[in-house]
Amino acid sequence: MQTAADYEIDGTRLHMQILGAGRPLLLIHGWTNNGEIWRPLATELAGRYQAIMVDLPGFGQSGLAPDYELARISGLLLELVRRLGVDRPVVAGLSMGCFLAADLLQRYPEQFSGAILVGPILAGNKKRWIRRGLRWSRRFPPLGRLFTRGVRSPWSGYIMERFINSRHYDPSMTASFRNLGRRQIRPEAYLPMGRSAFQVEIEAVLAATQTPVLLVYGEYDKHARPEQLATLCRLRPGIAACCIPGAAHNSPYEAPAACAAVIDQFLASVPGPLRNDEMAADDAIQLAAGLQPGQRLV
């Protein structure tokens, strides 16, 4: 089953697509794409999970937000979950989307049953240089406009996929899932979203929350390195990491079947909200009598 809809939330139109049925997953895309980037993985998961693929404000088919402060972006995503009537979904982020997923955990830990961070960009030289570039783009607006124009071009898509993000360059996959997303980025949204997202310190968030977390990285990922993720796993119980063989930074569409298997294994151990058909027989009787699970007939 697949549906698509737009929701007007606090002056911002959010576009989302739902694929499959089952336990809900809120999927947050990266900095140079939109919800479509998740489609190969969502297709693999469709028989067991309800994949909610949202376009962030100013990306894909979503409208612009009045501002890109983290509180607003996280609030929009939470309200979307509420409007969909979804109870405690698992939130997943890809690349930059990991920052937004972590911010949701930090602000609303009770609203999510688990988190999956795919290719998280952690503390180190790469993150420092990205932050520095974002500061320069604010200080010198022409530089920011030039950078944004370059990001939206198919040439930058080719360079990133051929040499950085993917293990094996596939022109058709790049055209379908990367370049289309780049063309749909609104220039007014790109840098403000990046400036907000890269403020989040994933390490601090994961240390402070008790939510179960899965860290996923590709064997050839140039952004997320195993030694960094191993350090995160030592922060507390409930954090696991898994490598996707043969993939790089884009493992959800380079190796969707392998990613789906890892997610299945992780979520099998993560409690989620009960559906009516999963309740114990005694609880079903209580519900039929107009009571809530845990209450008793007297």
C-alpha atoms as a PDB file:
ATOM      1  CA  MET A   1       0.000   0.000   0.000  1.00  0.00           C
ATOM      2  CA  GLN A   2       1.280   3.464  -0.903  1.00  0.00           C
ATOM      3  CA  THR A   3      -0.237   6.841  -0.130  1.00  0.00           C
ATOM      4  CA  ALA A   4       0.942  10.419  -0.502  1.00  0.00           C
ATOM      5  CA  ALA A   5      -0.397  13.554   1.151  1.00  0.00           C
ATOM      6  CA  ASP A   6       0.402  17.141   2.059  1.00  0.00           C
ATOM      7  CA  TYR A   7      -0.154  18.537   5.560  1.00  0.00           C
ATOM      8  CA  GLU A   8      -0.293  22.226   6.405  1.00  0.00           C
ATOM      9  CA  ILE A   9       1.436  22.569   9.780  1.00  0.00           C
ATOM     10  CA  ASP A  10       2.177  25.914  11.441  1.00  0.00           C
ATOM     11  CA  GLY A  11       2.324  27.719   8.117  1.00  0.00           C
ATOM     12  CA  THR A  12       4.462  25.061   6.390  1.00  0.00           C
ATOM     13  CA  ARG A  13       3.271  22.509   3.842  1.00  0.00           C
ATOM     14  CA  LEU A  14       4.888  19.124   4.470  1.00  0.00           C
ATOM     15  CA  HIS A  15       4.758  16.440   1.796  1.00  0.00           C
ATOM     16  CA  MET A  16       5.023  12.810   2.815  1.00  0.00           C
ATOM     17  CA  GLN A  17       4.597   9.357   1.329  1.00  0.00           C
ATOM     18  CA  ILE A  18       3.707   6.162   3.160  1.00  0.00           C
ATOM     19  CA  LEU A  19       4.781   2.781   1.855  1.00  0.00           C
ATOM     20  CA  GLY A  20       3.830  -0.519   3.482  1.00  0.00           C
ATOM     21  CA  ALA A  21       2.010  -1.397   6.680  1.00  0.00           C
ATOM     22  CA  GLY A  22       3.107  -2.474  10.134  1.00  0.00           C
ATOM     23  CA  ARG A  23       5.332  -0.899  12.742  1.00  0.00           C
ATOM     24  CA  PRO A  24       5.805   2.792  11.832  1.00  0.00           C
ATOM     25  CA  LEU A  25       9.168   4.249  10.807  1.00  0.00           C
ATOM     26  CA  LEU A  26       9.640   8.000  10.356  1.00  0.00           C
ATOM     27  CA  LEU A  27      12.375   8.385   7.712  1.00  0.00           C
ATOM     28  CA  ILE A  28      14.317  11.671   7.531  1.00  0.00           C
ATOM     29  CA  HIS A  29      16.441  12.259   4.425  1.00  0.00           C
ATOM     30  CA  GLY A  30      19.828  13.876   4.014  1.00  0.00           C
ATOM     31  CA  TRP A  31      21.001  17.323   2.948  1.00  0.00           C
ATOM     32  CA  THR A  32      20.962  16.902  -0.843  1.00  0.00           C
ATOM     33  CA  ASN A  33      17.904  14.714  -1.418  1.00  0.00           C
ATOM     34  CA  ASN A  34      14.317  14.165  -0.303  1.00  0.00           C
ATOM     35  CA  GLY A  35      12.083  11.377   0.974  1.00  0.00           C
ATOM     36  CA  GLU A  36      12.470   9.419  -2.264  1.00  0.00           C
ATOM     37  CA  ILE A  37      16.016   8.469  -1.212  1.00  0.00           C
ATOM     38  CA  TRP A  38      14.436   5.944   1.167  1.00  0.00           C
ATOM     39  CA  ARG A  39      12.277   4.200  -1.444  1.00  0.00           C
ATOM     40  CA  PRO A  40      14.555   1.191  -2.148  1.00  0.00           C
ATOM     41  CA  LEU A  41      14.799   0.428   1.580  1.00  0.00           C
ATOM     42  CA  ALA A  42      11.110   1.169   2.213  1.00  0.00           C
ATOM     43  CA  THR A  43      10.201  -1.290  -0.540  1.00  0.00           C
ATOM     44  CA  GLU A  44      12.245  -3.990   1.187  1.00  0.00           C
ATOM     45  CA  LEU A  45      10.519  -3.225   4.501  1.00  0.00           C
ATOM     46  CA  ALA A  46       6.992  -2.794   3.118  1.00  0.00           C
ATOM     47  CA  GLY A  47       5.639  -6.146   4.265  1.00  0.00           C
ATOM     48  CA  ARG A  48       6.559  -5.534   7.900  1.00  0.00           C
ATOM     49  CA  TYR A  49       6.786  -1.786   8.440  1.00  0.00           C
ATOM     50  CA  GLN A  50       4.955   1.418   7.603  1.00  0.00           C
ATOM     51  CA  ALA A  51       7.624   3.671   6.084  1.00  0.00           C
ATOM     52  CA  ILE A  52       6.772   7.382   6.414  1.00  0.00           C
ATOM     53  CA  MET A  53       9.014   9.202   3.931  1.00  0.00           C
ATOM     54  CA  VAL A  54       8.808  12.943   4.595  1.00  0.00           C
ATOM     55  CA  ASP A  55      10.241  15.799   2.538  1.00  0.00           C
ATOM     56  CA  LEU A  56      11.820  18.340   4.875  1.00  0.00           C
ATOM     57  CA  PRO A  57      10.673  21.982   4.468  1.00  0.00           C
ATOM     58  CA  GLY A  58      12.084  23.437   1.256  1.00  0.00           C
ATOM     59  CA  PHE A  59      13.103  20.003  -0.053  1.00  0.00           C
ATOM     60  CA  GLY A  60      11.254  17.749  -2.476  1.00  0.00           C
ATOM     61  CA  GLN A  61       7.594  18.735  -2.682  1.00  0.00           C
ATOM     62  CA  SER A  62       7.378  20.432   0.720  1.00  0.00           C
ATOM     63  CA  GLY A  63       6.979  24.181   1.071  1.00  0.00           C
ATOM     64  CA  LEU A  64       9.378  26.554   2.778  1.00  0.00           C
ATOM     65  CA  ALA A  65       9.391  27.053   6.545  1.00  0.00           C
ATOM     66  CA  PRO A  66       9.279  30.571   8.051  1.00  0.00           C
ATOM     67  CA  ASP A  67      12.632  29.761   9.653  1.00  0.00           C
ATOM     68  CA  TYR A  68      14.896  26.754  10.114  1.00  0.00           C
ATOM     69  CA  GLU A  69      15.486  26.786  13.837  1.00  0.00           C
ATOM     70  CA  LEU A  70      15.790  23.265  15.229  1.00  0.00           C
ATOM     71  CA  ALA A  71      12.809  23.732  17.532  1.00  0.00           C
ATOM     72  CA  ARG A  72      10.588  24.526  14.547  1.00  0.00           C
ATOM     73  CA  ILE A  73      11.803  21.671  12.341  1.00  0.00           C
ATOM     74  CA  SER A  74      11.508  19.087  15.113  1.00  0.00           C
ATOM     75  CA  GLY A  75       8.108  20.480  16.083  1.00  0.00           C
ATOM     76  CA  LEU A  76       6.864  20.127  12.498  1.00  0.00           C
ATOM     77  CA  LEU A  77       8.001  16.506  12.331  1.00  0.00           C
ATOM     78  CA  LEU A  78       6.407  15.655  15.666  1.00  0.00           C
ATOM     79  CA  GLU A  79       3.128  17.271  14.658  1.00  0.00           C
ATOM     80  CA  LEU A  80       3.168  15.287  11.401  1.00  0.00           C
ATOM     81  CA  VAL A  81       3.480  12.090  13.451  1.00  0.00           C
ATOM     82  CA  ARG A  82       0.534  13.176  15.595  1.00  0.00           C
ATOM     83  CA  ARG A  83      -1.621  14.052  12.588  1.00  0.00           C
ATOM     84  CA  LEU A  84      -0.952  10.628  11.132  1.00  0.00           C
ATOM     85  CA  GLY A  85      -2.121   9.057  14.380  1.00  0.00           C
ATOM     86  CA  VAL A  86       1.142   7.167  14.739  1.00  0.00           C
ATOM     87  CA  ASP A  87       2.110   5.986  18.225  1.00  0.00           C
ATOM     88  CA  ARG A  88       5.799   6.035  19.195  1.00  0.00           C
ATOM     89  CA  PRO A  89       7.386   5.362  15.795  1.00  0.00           C
ATOM     90  CA  VAL A  90      11.023   4.501  15.264  1.00  0.00           C
ATOM     91  CA  VAL A  91      12.804   7.547  13.827  1.00  0.00           C
ATOM     92  CA  ALA A  92      15.520   7.020  11.214  1.00  0.00           C
ATOM     93  CA  GLY A  93      17.895   9.571   9.740  1.00  0.00           C
ATOM     94  CA  LEU A  94      20.288   9.415   6.802  1.00  0.00           C
ATOM     95  CA  SER A  95      23.466  11.523   6.894  1.00  0.00           C
ATOM     96  CA  MET A  96      22.288  15.044   7.817  1.00  0.00           C
ATOM     97  CA  GLY A  97      18.944  13.515   8.763  1.00  0.00           C
ATOM     98  CA  CYS A  98      20.746  11.830  11.677  1.00  0.00           C
ATOM     99  CA  PHE A  99      21.112  15.241  13.332  1.00  0.00           C
ATOM    100  CA  LEU A 100      17.383  15.872  13.069  1.00  0.00           C
ATOM    101  CA  ALA A 101      16.550  12.386  14.334  1.00  0.00           C
ATOM    102  CA  ALA A 102      18.860  12.960  17.303  1.00  0.00           C
ATOM    103  CA  ASP A 103      17.226  16.317  17.994  1.00  0.00           C
ATOM    104  CA  LEU A 104      13.812  14.636  18.082  1.00  0.00           C
ATOM    105  CA  LEU A 105      15.145  12.139  20.624  1.00  0.00           C
ATOM    106  CA  GLN A 106      16.547  14.969  22.713  1.00  0.00           C
ATOM    107  CA  ARG A 107      13.350  17.039  22.725  1.00  0.00           C
ATOM    108  CA  TYR A 108      10.713  14.300  22.730  1.00  0.00           C
ATOM    109  CA  PRO A 109      12.283  11.067  24.025  1.00  0.00           C
ATOM    110  CA  GLU A 110       8.952   9.614  25.127  1.00  0.00           C
ATOM    111  CA  GLN A 111       7.490   9.967  21.614  1.00  0.00           C
ATOM    112  CA  PHE A 112       9.848   7.513  19.866  1.00  0.00           C
ATOM    113  CA  SER A 113      10.439   3.846  20.606  1.00  0.00           C
ATOM    114  CA  GLY A 114      13.815   3.645  18.869  1.00  0.00           C
ATOM    115  CA  ALA A 115      16.212   5.366  16.494  1.00  0.00           C
ATOM    116  CA  ILE A 116      18.270   4.297  13.474  1.00  0.00           C
ATOM    117  CA  LEU A 117      21.100   6.581  12.370  1.00  0.00           C
ATOM    118  CA  VAL A 118      22.492   5.730   8.933  1.00  0.00           C
ATOM    119  CA  GLY A 119      25.862   7.255   8.071  1.00  0.00           C
ATOM    120  CA  PRO A 120      25.973   9.739  10.964  1.00  0.00           C
ATOM    121  CA  ILE A 121      28.548  12.530  10.642  1.00  0.00           C
ATOM    122  CA  LEU A 122      30.227  12.693  14.036  1.00  0.00           C
ATOM    123  CA  ALA A 123      32.715  15.014  15.723  1.00  0.00           C
ATOM    124  CA  GLY A 124      35.978  15.362  13.783  1.00  0.00           C
ATOM    125  CA  ASN A 125      37.646  17.283  10.984  1.00  0.00           C
ATOM    126  CA  LYS A 126      34.856  16.691   8.469  1.00  0.00           C
ATOM    127  CA  LYS A 127      32.171  18.148  10.731  1.00  0.00           C
ATOM    128  CA  ARG A 128      34.407  21.075  11.684  1.00  0.00           C
ATOM    129  CA  TRP A 129      35.035  21.942   8.039  1.00  0.00           C
ATOM    130  CA  ILE A 130      31.330  21.746   7.195  1.00  0.00           C
ATOM    131  CA  ARG A 131      30.493  24.058  10.098  1.00  0.00           C
ATOM    132  CA  ARG A 132      33.252  26.443   9.046  1.00  0.00           C
ATOM    133  CA  GLY A 133      31.934  26.505   5.479  1.00  0.00           C
ATOM    134  CA  LEU A 134      28.427  27.244   6.745  1.00  0.00           C
ATOM    135  CA  ARG A 135      29.755  30.160   8.805  1.00  0.00           C
ATOM    136  CA  TRP A 136      31.614  31.527   5.779  1.00  0.00           C
ATOM    137  CA  SER A 137      28.491  31.257   3.643  1.00  0.00           C
ATOM    138  CA  ARG A 138      26.610  33.404   6.154  1.00  0.00           C
ATOM    139  CA  ARG A 139      29.411  35.962   6.357  1.00  0.00           C
ATOM    140  CA  PHE A 140      29.782  36.161   2.550  1.00  0.00           C
ATOM    141  CA  PRO A 141      26.315  35.715   0.952  1.00  0.00           C
ATOM    142  CA  PRO A 142      27.620  35.515  -2.645  1.00  0.00           C
ATOM    143  CA  LEU A 143      29.700  32.505  -1.587  1.00  0.00           C
ATOM    144  CA  GLY A 144      26.593  30.906  -0.120  1.00  0.00           C
ATOM    145  CA  ARG A 145      24.591  31.482  -3.301  1.00  0.00           C
ATOM    146  CA  LEU A 146      27.393  30.032  -5.427  1.00  0.00           C
ATOM    147  CA  PHE A 147      27.644  26.980  -3.194  1.00  0.00           C
ATOM    148  CA  THR A 148      23.888  26.371  -3.263  1.00  0.00           C
ATOM    149  CA  ARG A 149      23.783  26.721  -7.052  1.00  0.00           C
ATOM    150  CA  GLY A 150      26.592  24.182  -7.330  1.00  0.00           C
ATOM    151  CA  VAL A 151      24.875  21.686  -5.032  1.00  0.00           C
ATOM    152  CA  ARG A 152      21.731  21.765  -7.174  1.00  0.00           C
ATOM    153  CA  SER A 153      23.618  21.001 -10.399  1.00  0.00           C
ATOM    154  CA  PRO A 154      23.877  17.462 -11.837  1.00  0.00           C
ATOM    155  CA  TRP A 155      27.660  17.873 -11.990  1.00  0.00           C
ATOM    156  CA  SER A 156      27.926  18.029  -8.218  1.00  0.00           C
ATOM    157  CA  GLY A 157      25.676  14.973  -8.035  1.00  0.00           C
ATOM    158  CA  TYR A 158      28.038  13.117 -10.348  1.00  0.00           C
ATOM    159  CA  ILE A 159      31.144  14.114  -8.379  1.00  0.00           C
ATOM    160  CA  MET A 160      29.655  13.225  -4.994  1.00  0.00           C
ATOM    161  CA  GLU A 161      28.269   9.876  -6.131  1.00  0.00           C
ATOM    162  CA  ARG A 162      31.242   8.905  -8.265  1.00  0.00           C
ATOM    163  CA  PHE A 163      33.964   9.708  -5.749  1.00  0.00           C
ATOM    164  CA  ILE A 164      32.508  10.164  -2.257  1.00  0.00           C
ATOM    165  CA  ASN A 165      29.065   8.835  -1.357  1.00  0.00           C
ATOM    166  CA  SER A 166      28.734   5.587  -3.317  1.00  0.00           C
ATOM    167  CA  ARG A 167      30.883   2.499  -3.599  1.00  0.00           C
ATOM    168  CA  HIS A 168      29.759   1.740  -7.163  1.00  0.00           C
ATOM    169  CA  TYR A 169      28.591   4.627  -9.321  1.00  0.00           C
ATOM    170  CA  ASP A 170      25.229   3.829 -10.927  1.00  0.00           C
ATOM    171  CA  PRO A 171      24.058   6.588 -13.319  1.00  0.00           C
ATOM    172  CA  SER A 172      20.419   5.475 -13.247  1.00  0.00           C
ATOM    173  CA  MET A 173      20.298   5.372  -9.447  1.00  0.00           C
ATOM    174  CA  THR A 174      22.011   8.759  -9.234  1.00  0.00           C
ATOM    175  CA  ALA A 175      19.508  10.256 -11.677  1.00  0.00           C
ATOM    176  CA  SER A 176      16.502   8.768  -9.874  1.00  0.00           C
ATOM    177  CA  PHE A 177      17.402   9.292  -6.240  1.00  0.00           C
ATOM    178  CA  ARG A 178      20.112  11.960  -6.056  1.00  0.00           C
ATOM    179  CA  ASN A 179      19.951  14.443  -8.937  1.00  0.00           C
ATOM    180  CA  LEU A 180      16.165  14.709  -8.791  1.00  0.00           C
ATOM    181  CA  GLY A 181      16.406  15.536  -5.105  1.00  0.00           C
ATOM    182  CA  ARG A 182      19.127  18.104  -5.763  1.00  0.00           C
ATOM    183  CA  ARG A 183      17.030  19.898  -8.397  1.00  0.00           C
ATOM    184  CA  GLN A 184      14.093  20.115  -5.989  1.00  0.00           C
ATOM    185  CA  ILE A 185      16.052  21.833  -3.209  1.00  0.00           C
ATOM    186  CA  ARG A 186      14.796  25.366  -2.638  1.00  0.00           C
ATOM    187  CA  PRO A 187      17.808  27.705  -2.469  1.00  0.00           C
ATOM    188  CA  GLU A 188      16.260  29.535   0.507  1.00  0.00           C
ATOM    189  CA  ALA A 189      16.203  26.283   2.513  1.00  0.00           C
ATOM    190  CA  TYR A 190      19.497  24.558   1.826  1.00  0.00           C
ATOM    191  CA  LEU A 191      22.026  26.501   3.900  1.00  0.00           C
ATOM    192  CA  PRO A 192      19.650  27.404   6.770  1.00  0.00           C
ATOM    193  CA  MET A 193      18.763  23.742   7.178  1.00  0.00           C
ATOM    194  CA  GLY A 194      22.422  22.785   7.233  1.00  0.00           C
ATOM    195  CA  ARG A 195      23.319  25.461   9.768  1.00  0.00           C
ATOM    196  CA  SER A 196      20.640  24.218  12.149  1.00  0.00           C
ATOM    197  CA  ALA A 197      21.240  20.515  11.674  1.00  0.00           C
ATOM    198  CA  PHE A 198      25.001  20.647  12.172  1.00  0.00           C
ATOM    199  CA  GLN A 199      24.523  22.303  15.570  1.00  0.00           C
ATOM    200  CA  VAL A 200      23.378  18.958  17.012  1.00  0.00           C
ATOM    201  CA  GLU A 201      25.961  16.957  18.937  1.00  0.00           C
ATOM    202  CA  ILE A 202      24.894  13.375  18.321  1.00  0.00           C
ATOM    203  CA  GLU A 203      27.328  12.010  20.875  1.00  0.00           C
ATOM    204  CA  ALA A 204      25.852  14.109  23.698  1.00  0.00           C
ATOM    205  CA  VAL A 205      22.278  13.232  22.732  1.00  0.00           C
ATOM    206  CA  LEU A 206      22.922   9.492  22.669  1.00  0.00           C
ATOM    207  CA  ALA A 207      24.702   9.615  26.005  1.00  0.00           C
ATOM    208  CA  ALA A 208      21.751  11.396  27.609  1.00  0.00           C
ATOM    209  CA  THR A 209      18.839   9.372  26.227  1.00  0.00           C
ATOM    210  CA  GLN A 210      17.834   5.808  27.067  1.00  0.00           C
ATOM    211  CA  THR A 211      16.186   5.175  23.692  1.00  0.00           C
ATOM    212  CA  PRO A 212      17.536   2.110  21.853  1.00  0.00           C
ATOM    213  CA  VAL A 213      19.699   3.226  18.924  1.00  0.00           C
ATOM    214  CA  LEU A 214      21.117   1.417  15.898  1.00  0.00           C
ATOM    215  CA  LEU A 215      24.067   2.984  14.051  1.00  0.00           C
ATOM    216  CA  VAL A 216      24.436   1.834  10.442  1.00  0.00           C
ATOM    217  CA  TYR A 217      27.435   2.535   8.241  1.00  0.00           C
ATOM    218  CA  GLY A 218      28.719   1.256   4.941  1.00  0.00           C
ATOM    219  CA  GLU A 219      31.971  -0.663   4.685  1.00  0.00           C
ATOM    220  CA  TYR A 220      33.359   2.118   2.448  1.00  0.00           C
ATOM    221  CA  ASP A 221      31.618   5.064   4.129  1.00  0.00           C
ATOM    222  CA  LYS A 222      33.893   8.125   3.998  1.00  0.00           C
ATOM    223  CA  HIS A 223      31.769  10.037   6.532  1.00  0.00           C
ATOM    224  CA  ALA A 224      30.973   7.547   9.310  1.00  0.00           C
ATOM    225  CA  ARG A 225      33.970   5.580  10.530  1.00  0.00           C
ATOM    226  CA  PRO A 226      33.802   2.367  12.583  1.00  0.00           C
ATOM    227  CA  GLU A 227      36.149   3.598  15.304  1.00  0.00           C
ATOM    228  CA  GLN A 228      33.845   6.566  15.933  1.00  0.00           C
ATOM    229  CA  LEU A 229      30.764   4.387  16.099  1.00  0.00           C
ATOM    230  CA  ALA A 230      32.512   1.939  18.410  1.00  0.00           C
ATOM    231  CA  THR A 231      33.103   4.828  20.808  1.00  0.00           C
ATOM    232  CA  LEU A 232      29.393   5.649  20.730  1.00  0.00           C
ATOM    233  CA  CYS A 233      28.489   2.037  21.481  1.00  0.00           C
ATOM    234  CA  ARG A 234      30.533   2.263  24.679  1.00  0.00           C
ATOM    235  CA  LEU A 235      28.558   5.268  25.930  1.00  0.00           C
ATOM    236  CA  ARG A 236      25.780   3.145  27.428  1.00  0.00           C
ATOM    237  CA  PRO A 237      23.802  -0.063  26.915  1.00  0.00           C
ATOM    238  CA  GLY A 238      21.214   0.051  24.154  1.00  0.00           C
ATOM    239  CA  ILE A 239      23.451   1.425  21.382  1.00  0.00           C
ATOM    240  CA  ALA A 240      24.460  -0.986  18.621  1.00  0.00           C
ATOM    241  CA  ALA A 241      26.384  -0.531  15.370  1.00  0.00           C
ATOM    242  CA  CYS A 242      26.357  -2.562  12.185  1.00  0.00           C
ATOM    243  CA  CYS A 243      28.419  -2.418   8.998  1.00  0.00           C
ATOM    244  CA  ILE A 244      26.783  -2.963   5.584  1.00  0.00           C
ATOM    245  CA  PRO A 245      29.294  -4.885   3.435  1.00  0.00           C
ATOM    246  CA  GLY A 246      30.054  -3.471   0.006  1.00  0.00           C
ATOM    247  CA  ALA A 247      28.184  -0.201   0.599  1.00  0.00           C
ATOM    248  CA  ALA A 248      29.392   3.339   1.200  1.00  0.00           C
ATOM    249  CA  HIS A 249      27.500   6.337   2.582  1.00  0.00           C
ATOM    250  CA  ASN A 250      24.295   5.580   0.663  1.00  0.00           C
ATOM    251  CA  SER A 251      23.649   2.105   2.036  1.00  0.00           C
ATOM    252  CA  PRO A 252      19.799   2.408   2.095  1.00  0.00           C
ATOM    253  CA  TYR A 253      19.715   2.465  -1.690  1.00  0.00           C
ATOM    254  CA  GLU A 254      23.048   0.786  -2.465  1.00  0.00           C
ATOM    255  CA  ALA A 255      22.231  -2.269  -0.337  1.00  0.00           C
ATOM    256  CA  PRO A 256      18.556  -2.042   0.698  1.00  0.00           C
ATOM    257  CA  ALA A 257      18.134  -5.761   1.395  1.00  0.00           C
ATOM    258  CA  ALA A 258      21.136  -5.841   3.728  1.00  0.00           C
ATOM    259  CA  CYS A 259      19.911  -2.694   5.509  1.00  0.00           C
ATOM    260  CA  ALA A 260      16.440  -4.183   5.898  1.00  0.00           C
ATOM    261  CA  ALA A 261      17.877  -7.338   7.459  1.00  0.00           C
ATOM    262  CA  VAL A 262      19.862  -5.288   9.976  1.00  0.00           C
ATOM    263  CA  ILE A 263      16.788  -3.227  10.860  1.00  0.00           C
ATOM    264  CA  ASP A 264      14.694  -6.381  11.310  1.00  0.00           C
ATOM    265  CA  GLN A 265      17.245  -7.817  13.694  1.00  0.00           C
ATOM    266  CA  PHE A 266      17.509  -4.599  15.703  1.00  0.00           C
ATOM    267  CA  LEU A 267      13.789  -3.912  16.013  1.00  0.00           C
ATOM    268  CA  ALA A 268      13.048  -7.489  17.038  1.00  0.00           C
ATOM    269  CA  SER A 269      14.617  -6.569  20.382  1.00  0.00           C
ATOM    270  CA  VAL A 270      13.068  -3.081  20.683  1.00  0.00           C
ATOM    271  CA  PRO A 271       9.607  -2.904  22.282  1.00  0.00           C
ATOM    272  CA  GLY A 272       7.045  -0.970  20.284  1.00  0.00           C
ATOM    273  CA  PRO A 273       3.447   0.131  20.811  1.00  0.00           C
ATOM    274  CA  LEU A 274       0.977  -2.740  20.937  1.00  0.00           C
ATOM    275  CA  ARG A 275      -1.602  -3.161  18.211  1.00  0.00           C
ATOM    276  CA  ASN A 276      -4.945  -4.758  19.008  1.00  0.00           C
ATOM    277  CA  ASP A 277      -3.917  -7.998  17.328  1.00  0.00           C
ATOM    278  CA  GLU A 278      -0.753  -8.146  19.436  1.00  0.00           C
ATOM    279  CA  MET A 279      -2.462  -7.746  22.802  1.00  0.00           C
ATOM    280  CA  ALA A 280      -2.787 -10.585  25.224  1.00  0.00           C
ATOM    281  CA  ALA A 281      -6.189 -12.269  25.163  1.00  0.00           C
ATOM    282  CA  ASP A 282      -7.003 -10.972  28.651  1.00  0.00           C
ATOM    283  CA  ASP A 283      -6.285  -7.387  27.595  1.00  0.00           C
ATOM    284  CA  ALA A 284      -8.503  -7.832  24.532  1.00  0.00           C
ATOM    285  CA  ILE A 285     -11.341  -8.867  26.846  1.00  0.00           C
ATOM    286  CA  GLN A 286     -10.802  -5.756  28.955  1.00  0.00           C
ATOM    287  CA  LEU A 287     -10.933  -3.560  25.847  1.00  0.00           C
ATOM    288  CA  ALA A 288     -14.154  -5.228  24.722  1.00  0.00           C
ATOM    289  CA  ALA A 289     -15.610  -4.330  28.110  1.00  0.00           C
ATOM    290  CA  GLY A 290     -14.704  -0.673  27.586  1.00  0.00           C
ATOM    291  CA  LEU A 291     -11.619  -0.747  29.836  1.00  0.00           C
ATOM    292  CA  GLN A 292      -7.969  -0.033  29.126  1.00  0.00           C
ATOM    293  CA  PRO A 293      -5.210  -2.670  29.202  1.00  0.00           C
ATOM    294  CA  GLY A 294      -4.111  -3.207  32.773  1.00  0.00           C
ATOM    295  CA  GLN A 295      -7.498  -2.399  34.293  1.00  0.00           C
ATOM    296  CA  ARG A 296      -9.464  -5.291  35.773  1.00  0.00           C
ATOM    297  CA  LEU A 297     -13.098  -6.269  35.780  1.00  0.00           C
ATOM    298  CA  VAL A 298     -14.525  -6.096  39.306  1.00  0.00           C
END
